Amino acid sequence: MAFLLVVMVDGELVSTNDMLFEDVYRCNQFAKAIERGESGPDKQSYIWQKDISAYCLPKMVRENTFLFK
């Protein structure tokens, strides 16, 4: 099982099916950073980006599929 990072901008899907992570927590870190507009690991934006959402979905993949760590 892997976790697919899904990114929507103004209701339009902008992510691809190869944005797969082996760990749901790592995937969620990216989703949170995208939604908040973070510019670095210790730098958080104070305003959520408008009309941008990101989340992770579990997905079954083949054994040799490339996964981000």
N, C-alpha and C. Protein backbone atom coordinates (compact mmCIF):
# COMPACT_ATOMS: atom_id res chain seq x y z
N MET A 1 0.85 -1.17 0.00
CA MET A 1 0.00 0.00 0.00
C MET A 1 0.89 1.23 0.00
N ALA A 2 0.44 2.26 -0.71
CA ALA A 2 1.13 3.54 -0.75
C ALA A 2 0.09 4.64 -0.49
N PHE A 3 0.57 5.88 -0.45
CA PHE A 3 -0.32 7.01 -0.18
C PHE A 3 -0.11 8.05 -1.27
N LEU A 4 -1.19 8.36 -1.97
CA LEU A 4 -1.16 9.27 -3.10
C LEU A 4 -1.44 10.68 -2.62
N LEU A 5 -0.53 11.60 -2.94
CA LEU A 5 -0.72 13.01 -2.62
C LEU A 5 -1.60 13.63 -3.70
N VAL A 6 -2.76 14.13 -3.29
CA VAL A 6 -3.71 14.75 -4.20
C VAL A 6 -3.70 16.25 -3.94
N VAL A 7 -3.51 17.04 -5.00
CA VAL A 7 -3.47 18.50 -4.87
C VAL A 7 -4.50 19.10 -5.81
N MET A 8 -5.35 19.96 -5.26
CA MET A 8 -6.39 20.64 -6.02
C MET A 8 -6.16 22.15 -5.93
N VAL A 9 -6.26 22.83 -7.07
CA VAL A 9 -6.16 24.29 -7.12
C VAL A 9 -7.39 24.81 -7.86
N ASP A 10 -8.16 25.65 -7.18
CA ASP A 10 -9.41 26.16 -7.74
C ASP A 10 -10.30 25.04 -8.25
N GLY A 11 -10.35 23.92 -7.53
CA GLY A 11 -11.20 22.80 -7.89
C GLY A 11 -10.66 21.93 -9.02
N GLU A 12 -9.45 22.23 -9.50
CA GLU A 12 -8.85 21.46 -10.59
C GLU A 12 -7.71 20.61 -10.06
N LEU A 13 -7.70 19.34 -10.43
CA LEU A 13 -6.65 18.42 -10.02
C LEU A 13 -5.34 18.80 -10.71
N VAL A 14 -4.29 19.04 -9.93
CA VAL A 14 -3.00 19.41 -10.51
C VAL A 14 -1.91 18.39 -10.18
N SER A 15 -2.22 17.38 -9.41
CA SER A 15 -1.24 16.34 -9.10
C SER A 15 -1.33 15.21 -10.11
N THR A 16 -0.35 14.31 -10.06
CA THR A 16 -0.32 13.17 -10.97
C THR A 16 -0.36 11.88 -10.16
N ASN A 17 -0.63 10.77 -10.82
CA ASN A 17 -0.75 9.48 -10.14
C ASN A 17 0.57 8.90 -9.67
N ASP A 18 1.68 9.56 -9.95
CA ASP A 18 2.98 9.05 -9.49
C ASP A 18 3.49 9.78 -8.25
N MET A 19 2.67 10.60 -7.65
CA MET A 19 3.05 11.31 -6.42
C MET A 19 2.72 10.41 -5.23
N LEU A 20 3.44 9.30 -5.13
CA LEU A 20 3.17 8.25 -4.15
C LEU A 20 4.21 8.24 -3.04
N PHE A 21 3.76 8.09 -1.81
CA PHE A 21 4.63 8.03 -0.64
C PHE A 21 4.47 6.69 0.04
N GLU A 22 5.55 6.20 0.65
CA GLU A 22 5.46 4.94 1.38
C GLU A 22 4.92 5.13 2.79
N ASP A 23 4.89 6.36 3.27
CA ASP A 23 4.48 6.64 4.65
C ASP A 23 3.40 7.73 4.65
N VAL A 24 2.26 7.45 5.25
CA VAL A 24 1.16 8.41 5.28
C VAL A 24 1.55 9.69 6.01
N TYR A 25 2.38 9.59 7.04
CA TYR A 25 2.77 10.78 7.80
C TYR A 25 3.64 11.70 6.96
N ARG A 26 4.53 11.14 6.15
CA ARG A 26 5.37 11.95 5.26
C ARG A 26 4.51 12.60 4.18
N CYS A 27 3.57 11.85 3.64
CA CYS A 27 2.65 12.39 2.65
C CYS A 27 1.87 13.57 3.24
N ASN A 28 1.39 13.39 4.47
CA ASN A 28 0.63 14.46 5.13
C ASN A 28 1.48 15.69 5.40
N GLN A 29 2.78 15.52 5.62
CA GLN A 29 3.67 16.68 5.79
C GLN A 29 3.65 17.54 4.53
N PHE A 30 3.73 16.90 3.38
CA PHE A 30 3.70 17.62 2.11
C PHE A 30 2.33 18.27 1.89
N ALA A 31 1.27 17.54 2.18
CA ALA A 31 -0.08 18.09 2.02
C ALA A 31 -0.26 19.34 2.87
N LYS A 32 0.17 19.28 4.11
CA LYS A 32 0.05 20.42 5.02
C LYS A 32 0.87 21.61 4.52
N ALA A 33 2.09 21.35 4.08
CA ALA A 33 2.97 22.42 3.59
C ALA A 33 2.37 23.09 2.35
N ILE A 34 1.77 22.30 1.48
CA ILE A 34 1.16 22.86 0.27
C ILE A 34 -0.03 23.73 0.63
N GLU A 35 -0.89 23.26 1.52
CA GLU A 35 -2.06 24.03 1.90
C GLU A 35 -1.69 25.33 2.62
N ARG A 36 -0.68 25.28 3.44
CA ARG A 36 -0.29 26.45 4.23
C ARG A 36 0.66 27.39 3.50
N GLY A 37 1.26 26.94 2.42
CA GLY A 37 2.21 27.78 1.70
C GLY A 37 3.52 27.93 2.44
N GLU A 38 3.94 26.87 3.14
CA GLU A 38 5.18 26.93 3.90
C GLU A 38 6.38 27.06 2.95
N SER A 39 7.34 27.90 3.32
CA SER A 39 8.52 28.09 2.47
C SER A 39 9.71 27.27 2.93
N GLY A 40 9.60 26.59 4.05
CA GLY A 40 10.67 25.74 4.56
C GLY A 40 10.17 24.93 5.73
N PRO A 41 10.96 23.95 6.19
CA PRO A 41 10.49 23.07 7.26
C PRO A 41 10.18 23.79 8.57
N ASP A 42 10.86 24.89 8.84
CA ASP A 42 10.63 25.62 10.09
C ASP A 42 9.95 26.97 9.85
N LYS A 43 9.48 27.18 8.64
CA LYS A 43 8.87 28.47 8.30
C LYS A 43 7.44 28.24 7.87
N GLN A 44 6.51 28.76 8.65
CA GLN A 44 5.10 28.58 8.34
C GLN A 44 4.49 29.91 7.92
N SER A 45 3.64 29.84 6.94
CA SER A 45 2.87 31.00 6.54
C SER A 45 1.76 31.20 7.57
N TYR A 46 1.36 32.42 7.78
CA TYR A 46 0.29 32.68 8.73
C TYR A 46 -1.09 32.69 8.07
N ILE A 47 -1.10 32.67 6.74
CA ILE A 47 -2.35 32.71 6.00
C ILE A 47 -2.42 31.47 5.11
N TRP A 48 -3.52 30.74 5.23
CA TRP A 48 -3.70 29.57 4.36
C TRP A 48 -3.87 30.05 2.94
N GLN A 49 -3.31 29.31 1.99
CA GLN A 49 -3.45 29.67 0.60
C GLN A 49 -4.91 29.49 0.18
N LYS A 50 -5.39 30.41 -0.59
CA LYS A 50 -6.78 30.39 -1.02
C LYS A 50 -6.99 29.38 -2.15
N ASP A 51 -8.05 28.61 -2.04
CA ASP A 51 -8.46 27.66 -3.08
C ASP A 51 -7.43 26.59 -3.40
N ILE A 52 -6.59 26.24 -2.44
CA ILE A 52 -5.64 25.15 -2.61
C ILE A 52 -5.88 24.13 -1.51
N SER A 53 -6.08 22.88 -1.91
CA SER A 53 -6.23 21.82 -0.92
C SER A 53 -5.36 20.64 -1.31
N ALA A 54 -4.91 19.93 -0.31
CA ALA A 54 -4.06 18.76 -0.53
C ALA A 54 -4.38 17.73 0.54
N TYR A 55 -4.36 16.47 0.14
CA TYR A 55 -4.64 15.39 1.07
C TYR A 55 -4.05 14.10 0.53
N CYS A 56 -4.04 13.05 1.33
CA CYS A 56 -3.44 11.78 0.94
C CYS A 56 -4.50 10.68 0.91
N LEU A 57 -4.41 9.85 -0.11
CA LEU A 57 -5.32 8.73 -0.26
C LEU A 57 -4.54 7.42 -0.27
N PRO A 58 -5.00 6.41 0.44
CA PRO A 58 -4.34 5.10 0.35
C PRO A 58 -4.58 4.50 -1.03
N LYS A 59 -3.57 3.82 -1.53
CA LYS A 59 -3.67 3.25 -2.88
C LYS A 59 -2.84 1.98 -2.94
N MET A 60 -3.38 0.95 -3.54
CA MET A 60 -2.63 -0.29 -3.75
C MET A 60 -1.75 -0.11 -4.99
N VAL A 61 -0.48 -0.49 -4.86
CA VAL A 61 0.47 -0.36 -5.96
C VAL A 61 1.24 -1.66 -6.13
N ARG A 62 1.88 -1.80 -7.27
CA ARG A 62 2.71 -2.99 -7.51
C ARG A 62 3.97 -2.90 -6.66
N GLU A 63 4.55 -4.04 -6.41
CA GLU A 63 5.70 -4.15 -5.50
C GLU A 63 6.88 -3.28 -5.92
N ASN A 64 7.17 -3.13 -7.18
CA ASN A 64 8.35 -2.38 -7.63
C ASN A 64 8.05 -0.92 -7.97
N THR A 65 6.92 -0.39 -7.56
CA THR A 65 6.55 1.00 -7.82
C THR A 65 7.46 1.93 -7.02
N PHE A 66 7.92 3.02 -7.68
CA PHE A 66 8.74 4.01 -6.97
C PHE A 66 7.87 4.77 -5.99
N LEU A 67 8.34 4.87 -4.75
CA LEU A 67 7.64 5.61 -3.70
C LEU A 67 8.59 6.62 -3.07
N PHE A 68 8.09 7.83 -2.85
CA PHE A 68 8.88 8.82 -2.12
C PHE A 68 8.93 8.43 -0.66
N LYS A 69 10.07 8.72 -0.02
CA LYS A 69 10.25 8.39 1.40
C LYS A 69 9.95 9.56 2.27
